[in-house]
Protein backbone atom coordinates (compact mmCIF):
# COMPACT_ATOMS: atom_id res chain seq x y z
CA MET A 1 18.20 13.71 -9.38
CA SER A 2 21.08 12.01 -11.71
CA THR A 3 20.20 11.27 -15.62
CA LEU A 4 19.62 8.34 -17.57
CA ALA A 5 18.45 8.02 -21.52
CA GLY A 6 15.38 8.95 -22.32
CA GLN A 7 12.45 7.51 -20.08
CA PRO A 8 8.89 8.40 -19.48
CA CYS A 9 8.41 10.63 -16.71
CA VAL A 10 6.24 8.70 -13.90
CA VAL A 11 3.43 11.61 -13.64
CA CYS A 12 3.02 12.61 -16.88
CA GLY A 13 5.09 10.43 -19.31
CA THR A 14 7.14 13.06 -21.15
CA PRO A 15 10.83 11.52 -22.07
CA THR A 16 13.33 12.86 -19.92
CA ALA A 17 16.92 11.72 -18.98
CA THR A 18 16.45 13.03 -15.24
CA ARG A 19 15.69 10.03 -12.28
CA CYS A 20 15.70 10.09 -8.34
CA SER A 21 19.08 9.48 -7.88
CA ALA A 22 18.83 7.99 -4.52
CA CYS A 23 16.13 5.55 -5.85
CA ALA A 24 18.41 4.80 -8.71
CA THR A 25 21.39 3.07 -6.23
CA THR A 26 18.67 0.50 -5.17
CA GLY A 27 17.41 -0.77 -8.85
CA VAL A 28 14.62 1.56 -9.00
CA ASP A 29 14.39 3.79 -11.59
CA LEU A 30 12.07 6.94 -11.09
CA PHE A 31 12.03 9.42 -13.89
CA PHE A 32 10.71 12.88 -13.33
CA CYS A 33 10.71 15.37 -16.49
CA SER A 34 10.79 18.15 -13.89
CA THR A 35 11.60 19.47 -10.02
CA ARG A 36 7.86 20.92 -10.34
CA HIS A 37 6.32 17.07 -11.29
CA GLN A 38 9.14 15.23 -9.08
CA LYS A 39 7.60 18.37 -6.18
CA LEU A 40 4.15 16.79 -6.67
CA VAL A 41 4.59 13.30 -5.21
CA TRP A 42 7.41 14.19 -2.62
CA SER A 43 5.51 14.73 0.17
CA ALA A 44 5.02 10.51 0.14
CA HIS A 45 7.93 9.71 -1.68
CA ARG A 46 10.10 10.71 0.32
CA THR A 47 9.16 8.41 3.10
CA MET A 48 10.09 5.39 0.68
CA CYS A 49 13.33 7.16 -1.10
CA GLY A 50 16.86 5.89 -1.64
CA PRO A 51 18.80 3.25 0.41
CA GLY A 52 17.09 0.71 3.47
CA LYS A 53 13.75 2.10 2.23
CA ALA A 54 13.59 1.51 -1.75
CA HIS A 55 14.40 -1.48 -2.72
CA PRO A 56 12.86 -3.58 -0.85
CA LEU A 57 10.17 -0.89 -0.11
CA VAL A 58 9.74 -0.05 3.42
CA ALA A 59 6.96 1.46 4.24
CA PRO A 60 5.91 3.94 7.08
CA PRO A 61 5.15 2.85 9.89
CA LEU A 62 1.21 4.16 11.08
CA SER A 63 0.55 7.90 12.07
CA GLY A 64 -1.85 8.41 14.95
CA ASP A 65 -4.59 9.41 12.69
CA GLU A 66 -4.35 6.14 10.75
CA LEU A 67 -3.31 3.72 14.21
CA GLN A 68 -7.11 4.98 15.62
CA LEU A 69 -9.01 4.22 12.67
CA VAL A 70 -6.95 0.91 12.50
CA LEU A 71 -7.92 -0.25 15.72
CA ASP A 72 -11.70 1.15 15.25
CA THR A 73 -12.01 -1.06 11.98
CA SER A 74 -10.09 -3.91 13.77
CA TYR A 75 -12.84 -4.16 16.30
CA HIS A 76 -15.60 -3.90 14.30
CA ASP A 77 -17.89 -6.95 13.18
CA LEU A 78 -18.52 -7.75 9.75
CA PRO A 79 -20.15 -10.66 8.44
CA VAL A 80 -17.83 -13.32 7.51
CA ALA A 81 -18.12 -13.51 3.75
CA ASP A 82 -17.30 -9.77 3.49
CA PHE A 83 -14.52 -10.24 6.01
CA SER A 84 -13.32 -13.06 3.87
CA ARG A 85 -13.45 -11.41 1.05
CA VAL A 86 -10.36 -8.97 1.89
CA LEU A 87 -8.52 -11.64 4.09
CA LYS A 88 -8.27 -15.23 3.74
CA LEU A 89 -10.41 -16.50 6.47
CA PRO A 90 -9.64 -20.68 7.30
CA ALA A 91 -13.21 -22.32 8.13
CA SER A 92 -11.39 -23.67 11.19
CA VAL A 93 -11.13 -20.27 12.42
CA ALA A 94 -14.35 -18.47 11.10
CA SER A 95 -16.18 -21.07 13.27
CA ARG A 96 -14.06 -20.02 16.08
CA CYS A 97 -14.13 -16.36 16.26
CA ALA A 98 -17.55 -15.79 14.31
CA ARG A 99 -20.84 -14.55 16.63
CA LYS A 100 -24.15 -15.04 14.94
CA GLY A 101 -22.28 -14.89 11.72
CA LYS A 102 -20.26 -11.73 12.29
CA VAL A 103 -16.11 -11.53 12.95
CA ASN A 104 -13.39 -9.15 13.65
CA LEU A 105 -10.14 -9.22 13.71
CA VAL A 106 -8.88 -8.74 16.56
CA ARG A 107 -10.86 -12.29 17.10
CA VAL A 108 -9.13 -13.58 14.51
CA TYR A 109 -6.11 -12.23 15.41
CA GLY A 110 -6.39 -13.92 18.74
CA ALA A 111 -7.72 -16.93 16.98
CA MET A 112 -5.03 -17.65 14.69
CA SER A 113 -1.74 -16.18 16.82
CA ASP A 114 -3.10 -17.78 20.14
CA LEU A 115 -3.29 -14.11 21.13
CA ALA A 116 -4.14 -14.58 25.61
CA PRO A 117 -7.38 -13.44 26.80
CA ASP A 118 -5.99 -10.85 29.03
CA GLU A 119 -2.94 -9.62 26.34
CA ASP A 120 -3.79 -5.91 24.55
CA PHE A 121 -4.46 -6.50 20.61
CA ARG A 122 -3.33 -3.11 20.79
CA SER A 123 0.66 -3.87 22.06
CA ALA A 124 0.64 -7.04 20.43
CA ALA A 125 -0.33 -6.67 17.05
CA LEU A 126 0.37 -2.77 16.44
CA GLN A 127 3.12 -2.30 19.06
CA GLU A 128 5.89 -2.41 16.30
CA LEU A 129 4.27 -0.23 13.61
CA ALA A 130 3.59 2.85 15.43
CA ALA A 131 4.86 6.08 14.63
CA GLY A 132 8.54 6.23 15.66
CA SER A 133 9.10 2.31 14.86
CA THR A 134 12.35 2.07 12.55
CA GLY A 135 15.24 -0.12 12.32
CA ASP A 136 15.79 -3.95 11.15
CA ALA A 137 12.65 -5.33 12.90
CA PHE A 138 10.08 -2.80 10.95
CA ALA A 139 12.03 -3.32 7.78
CA ARG A 140 11.65 -7.23 7.94
CA VAL A 141 9.76 -8.98 5.19
CA ALA A 142 6.96 -10.45 8.15
CA THR A 143 6.07 -7.36 9.81
CA GLN A 144 5.92 -5.49 6.81
CA ARG A 145 3.64 -7.66 5.08
CA TRP A 146 1.69 -7.47 8.57
CA LEU A 147 1.62 -3.37 8.03
CA ALA A 148 0.64 -3.58 4.07
CA THR A 149 -2.00 -6.32 5.91
CA LEU A 150 -3.77 -3.84 8.02
CA ARG A 151 -3.83 -1.09 5.72
CA ARG A 152 -5.43 -2.89 2.75
CA PHE A 153 -8.24 -4.93 5.39
CA THR A 154 -8.50 -0.71 6.87
CA TRP A 155 -9.27 0.80 3.88
CA ALA A 156 -11.28 -2.18 2.35
CA LEU A 157 -13.73 -2.31 5.43
CA ALA A 158 -13.51 0.80 7.78
CA ASP A 159 -17.15 2.06 8.64
CA PHE A 160 -16.96 5.81 7.47
CA PRO A 161 -20.43 7.86 8.46
CA PRO A 162 -23.25 8.32 5.80
CA GLY A 163 -22.69 11.13 3.39
CA THR A 164 -18.90 11.26 3.70
CA ASP A 165 -18.20 13.00 0.95
CA ARG A 166 -14.42 12.08 1.39
CA PRO A 167 -12.96 9.86 3.54
CA PRO A 168 -10.73 11.12 6.87
CA ALA A 169 -7.14 11.67 5.81
CA LEU A 170 -5.21 8.71 5.53
CA PRO A 171 -1.58 8.45 4.84
CA THR A 172 -0.61 8.33 0.85
CA VAL A 173 0.16 5.10 1.32
CA ALA A 174 -2.61 3.52 2.51
CA LEU A 175 -4.63 4.63 -0.14
CA ALA A 176 -2.07 2.95 -2.31
CA ALA A 177 -2.55 0.01 -0.97
CA ALA A 178 -6.41 0.28 -1.88
CA LEU A 179 -5.24 1.08 -5.53
CA GLU A 180 -3.13 -2.10 -5.43
CA LEU A 181 -5.72 -4.26 -4.41
CA ALA A 182 -7.96 -2.77 -7.56
CA ILE A 183 -4.92 -3.63 -10.33
CA ARG A 184 -3.63 -6.69 -8.80
CA PRO A 185 -6.24 -8.92 -10.30
CA LEU A 186 -4.80 -7.30 -14.02
CA LEU A 187 -1.91 -9.79 -12.73
CA ALA A 188 -4.22 -12.97 -12.04
CA SER A 189 -2.36 -11.94 -8.54
CA ALA A 190 0.87 -13.54 -9.29
CA PRO A 191 4.07 -12.37 -7.77
CA LEU A 192 5.82 -9.75 -9.06
CA PRO A 193 9.93 -10.19 -9.48
CA PRO A 194 11.29 -8.42 -6.53
CA LEU A 195 12.52 -5.55 -8.34
CA VAL A 196 9.55 -4.76 -10.12
CA LYS A 197 6.98 -4.81 -7.13
CA SER A 198 9.09 -2.31 -5.48
CA SER A 199 8.79 -0.37 -8.81
CA PHE A 200 5.23 -1.10 -9.09
CA GLN A 201 4.77 -0.04 -5.03
CA HIS A 202 6.54 3.18 -6.12
CA ARG A 203 4.37 3.61 -9.17
CA LEU A 204 1.49 3.24 -6.81
CA LEU A 205 2.44 6.37 -5.11
CA VAL A 206 3.20 8.61 -7.86
CA VAL A 207 -0.82 8.12 -8.99
CA VAL A 208 -2.17 8.47 -5.79
CA SER A 209 -0.29 11.87 -4.71
CA VAL A 210 -1.29 12.88 -8.12
CA VAL A 211 -5.25 12.02 -7.64
CA GLN A 212 -5.00 13.90 -4.08
CA LEU A 213 -3.84 17.13 -5.47
CA ASP A 214 -6.20 20.33 -4.53
CA PRO A 215 -7.20 21.08 -6.94
CA THR A 216 -7.54 17.93 -8.81
CA ASP A 217 -5.65 17.74 -12.23
CA ALA A 218 -7.71 15.29 -14.23
CA THR A 219 -5.02 15.17 -17.35
CA LEU A 220 -2.43 14.24 -14.91
CA VAL A 221 -4.72 11.67 -12.79
CA ALA A 222 -5.10 9.69 -16.13
CA GLU A 223 -0.95 10.40 -17.46
CA SER A 224 0.13 9.19 -14.28
CA LEU A 225 -1.96 6.02 -14.24
CA GLU A 226 -1.34 5.53 -17.55
CA GLN A 227 2.78 5.23 -16.71
CA LEU A 228 1.31 2.66 -14.08
CA LEU A 229 -0.10 0.58 -16.28
CA ASP A 230 2.22 0.51 -19.43
CA PHE A 231 4.86 -0.42 -16.69
CA LEU A 232 3.01 -3.50 -15.66
CA THR A 233 1.87 -4.59 -19.52
CA PRO A 234 5.71 -6.84 -19.73
CA GLU A 235 4.68 -8.39 -16.44
CA MET A 236 0.56 -8.82 -17.79
CA THR A 237 2.28 -10.16 -21.30
CA ARG A 238 4.60 -12.68 -19.22
CA LEU A 239 1.58 -14.06 -17.12
CA THR A 240 -0.46 -14.33 -20.32
CA THR A 241 2.15 -16.33 -21.93
CA GLN A 242 2.98 -18.72 -18.87
CA GLY A 243 -0.90 -19.39 -18.73
């Protein structure tokens, strides 16, 4: 970690001069008041820490468990209205894919990409996203955008069994994508400047990492979320002024 003028710790808000030096080289400033707080989020942060990953942010590939959940959700038939709340669905595509008023991601993907009837959805849509995927092809914007879309779709629409107290374990980045969905309306769904977007996504990971602590520390959850919202306040003000 490197030092700079005092800034709030992304975990608890305590003023500190210590930041992640690897991320700082990319322009992303993440301050930690202690080694303990850095370690609390390290398991998630390390997958996107430093040059080539921090900015532009490159999310990790789908783990085996996550890939299976993505597949299960992709084949699950959903009412057109429910599907459209998560992913924009052109009327022309809906009419081609709907069966008794329901669609699934596999049919929609096939219709929008002209996937051949005998071409496997997994190999066509997910092969570049699975564990072990690295390099320029994985890091390119289109691939990362599709990966983020799949994660948002899966978390929003996954069919968990009734009575499930906690859903199956997913990578923290998947939960961060769900949190981003919840917060985005505060920004009027407007695009963020690239560096702000990367910094925002890193802070989402911090909040979700704290939420997943066992046992849960309610104070840290509130403090980390407060730091995230404080970070976004200038952007919310800017968008309000522009509006």
